Amino acid sequence: MVVHADGEAALLLTKRSETVDRHKGEISLPGGAIEPGESPQAAAVRETSE
């Protein structure tokens, strides 16, 4: 994700937590999958907490 920071473009990255099932501790682009039966809003909240 590209964001504006202090008038310049910046790349927003996340570090995955050690509690997720896959790719523990890796640097990644923000985002994730919507689980079956999950709304986009619920997925965003879950992804943020992970």
N, C-alpha and C. Protein backbone atom coordinates (compact mmCIF):
# COMPACT_ATOMS: atom_id res chain seq x y z
N MET A 1 0.85 -1.16 0.00
CA MET A 1 0.00 0.00 0.00
C MET A 1 0.90 1.23 0.00
N VAL A 2 0.60 2.16 -0.87
CA VAL A 2 1.34 3.42 -0.92
C VAL A 2 0.53 4.49 -0.20
N VAL A 3 1.17 5.19 0.72
CA VAL A 3 0.52 6.26 1.48
C VAL A 3 1.36 7.53 1.34
N HIS A 4 0.78 8.66 1.73
CA HIS A 4 1.51 9.92 1.72
C HIS A 4 1.98 10.22 3.13
N ALA A 5 3.27 10.49 3.27
CA ALA A 5 3.85 10.81 4.58
C ALA A 5 4.78 12.00 4.41
N ASP A 6 4.45 13.08 5.09
CA ASP A 6 5.26 14.30 5.01
C ASP A 6 5.45 14.77 3.57
N GLY A 7 4.38 14.66 2.78
CA GLY A 7 4.43 15.14 1.41
C GLY A 7 5.11 14.20 0.43
N GLU A 8 5.49 13.02 0.85
CA GLU A 8 6.15 12.06 -0.02
C GLU A 8 5.39 10.74 0.01
N ALA A 9 5.57 9.96 -1.04
CA ALA A 9 4.97 8.63 -1.07
C ALA A 9 5.80 7.69 -0.20
N ALA A 10 5.12 6.82 0.51
CA ALA A 10 5.79 5.83 1.36
C ALA A 10 5.09 4.49 1.21
N LEU A 11 5.84 3.42 1.30
CA LEU A 11 5.29 2.08 1.20
C LEU A 11 4.97 1.59 2.60
N LEU A 12 3.72 1.21 2.83
CA LEU A 12 3.28 0.73 4.13
C LEU A 12 3.41 -0.79 4.17
N LEU A 13 4.19 -1.28 5.13
CA LEU A 13 4.39 -2.71 5.32
C LEU A 13 3.96 -3.10 6.73
N THR A 14 3.72 -4.37 6.93
CA THR A 14 3.39 -4.87 8.26
C THR A 14 4.34 -6.01 8.60
N LYS A 15 4.49 -6.27 9.89
CA LYS A 15 5.24 -7.44 10.34
C LYS A 15 4.22 -8.40 10.94
N ARG A 16 4.17 -9.60 10.38
CA ARG A 16 3.21 -10.59 10.85
C ARG A 16 3.59 -11.03 12.26
N SER A 17 2.59 -11.26 13.10
CA SER A 17 2.84 -11.67 14.49
C SER A 17 3.36 -13.10 14.54
N GLU A 18 3.80 -13.49 15.70
CA GLU A 18 4.27 -14.86 15.92
C GLU A 18 3.12 -15.82 16.22
N THR A 19 1.87 -15.29 16.31
CA THR A 19 0.74 -16.14 16.68
C THR A 19 -0.07 -16.64 15.49
N VAL A 20 0.22 -16.16 14.28
CA VAL A 20 -0.53 -16.62 13.10
C VAL A 20 -0.04 -18.00 12.69
N ASP A 21 -0.87 -18.71 11.93
CA ASP A 21 -0.51 -20.07 11.52
C ASP A 21 0.64 -20.11 10.53
N ARG A 22 0.64 -19.17 9.60
CA ARG A 22 1.64 -19.21 8.53
C ARG A 22 2.44 -17.91 8.46
N HIS A 23 3.67 -18.02 8.05
CA HIS A 23 4.56 -16.88 7.77
C HIS A 23 4.81 -16.02 9.01
N LYS A 24 5.03 -16.66 10.14
CA LYS A 24 5.27 -15.95 11.40
C LYS A 24 6.44 -14.99 11.27
N GLY A 25 6.24 -13.75 11.75
CA GLY A 25 7.31 -12.77 11.81
C GLY A 25 7.75 -12.18 10.49
N GLU A 26 7.12 -12.55 9.39
CA GLU A 26 7.55 -12.03 8.09
C GLU A 26 7.04 -10.60 7.86
N ILE A 27 7.80 -9.84 7.08
CA ILE A 27 7.38 -8.52 6.64
C ILE A 27 6.51 -8.73 5.41
N SER A 28 5.36 -8.04 5.37
CA SER A 28 4.43 -8.26 4.26
C SER A 28 3.65 -6.98 3.96
N LEU A 29 2.97 -7.02 2.84
CA LEU A 29 2.02 -5.96 2.53
C LEU A 29 0.77 -6.18 3.38
N PRO A 30 0.10 -5.11 3.80
CA PRO A 30 -1.11 -5.29 4.60
C PRO A 30 -2.21 -5.96 3.78
N GLY A 31 -3.05 -6.67 4.46
CA GLY A 31 -4.17 -7.32 3.78
C GLY A 31 -4.31 -8.75 4.24
N GLY A 32 -5.14 -9.47 3.57
CA GLY A 32 -5.35 -10.86 3.94
C GLY A 32 -6.59 -11.39 3.27
N ALA A 33 -6.97 -12.56 3.70
CA ALA A 33 -8.12 -13.23 3.10
C ALA A 33 -9.36 -13.02 3.95
N ILE A 34 -10.49 -13.00 3.27
CA ILE A 34 -11.78 -12.99 3.96
C ILE A 34 -12.16 -14.46 4.17
N GLU A 35 -12.38 -14.83 5.42
CA GLU A 35 -12.73 -16.20 5.75
C GLU A 35 -14.18 -16.47 5.35
N PRO A 36 -14.54 -17.72 5.09
CA PRO A 36 -15.93 -18.05 4.74
C PRO A 36 -16.90 -17.53 5.81
N GLY A 37 -17.95 -16.84 5.37
CA GLY A 37 -18.96 -16.30 6.27
C GLY A 37 -18.57 -15.00 6.95
N GLU A 38 -17.40 -14.46 6.64
CA GLU A 38 -16.89 -13.26 7.29
C GLU A 38 -17.16 -12.05 6.39
N SER A 39 -17.56 -10.93 6.98
CA SER A 39 -17.76 -9.70 6.20
C SER A 39 -16.40 -9.04 5.97
N PRO A 40 -16.29 -8.18 4.96
CA PRO A 40 -15.04 -7.45 4.76
C PRO A 40 -14.63 -6.66 6.01
N GLN A 41 -15.61 -6.07 6.69
CA GLN A 41 -15.29 -5.31 7.90
C GLN A 41 -14.73 -6.20 9.00
N ALA A 42 -15.33 -7.37 9.19
CA ALA A 42 -14.85 -8.32 10.20
C ALA A 42 -13.45 -8.81 9.83
N ALA A 43 -13.21 -9.04 8.55
CA ALA A 43 -11.88 -9.49 8.10
C ALA A 43 -10.84 -8.41 8.40
N ALA A 44 -11.18 -7.15 8.17
CA ALA A 44 -10.25 -6.05 8.44
C ALA A 44 -9.91 -5.98 9.93
N VAL A 45 -10.91 -6.13 10.78
CA VAL A 45 -10.66 -6.11 12.22
C VAL A 45 -9.78 -7.28 12.63
N ARG A 46 -10.08 -8.46 12.11
CA ARG A 46 -9.28 -9.65 12.43
C ARG A 46 -7.84 -9.50 11.94
N GLU A 47 -7.67 -9.05 10.71
CA GLU A 47 -6.35 -8.87 10.15
C GLU A 47 -5.54 -7.84 10.94
N THR A 48 -6.21 -6.80 11.40
CA THR A 48 -5.52 -5.77 12.19
C THR A 48 -5.03 -6.36 13.51
N SER A 49 -5.84 -7.20 14.13
CA SER A 49 -5.42 -7.77 15.42
C SER A 49 -4.34 -8.83 15.27
N GLU A 50 -4.29 -9.47 14.10
CA GLU A 50 -3.24 -10.48 13.88
C GLU A 50 -1.91 -9.82 13.65
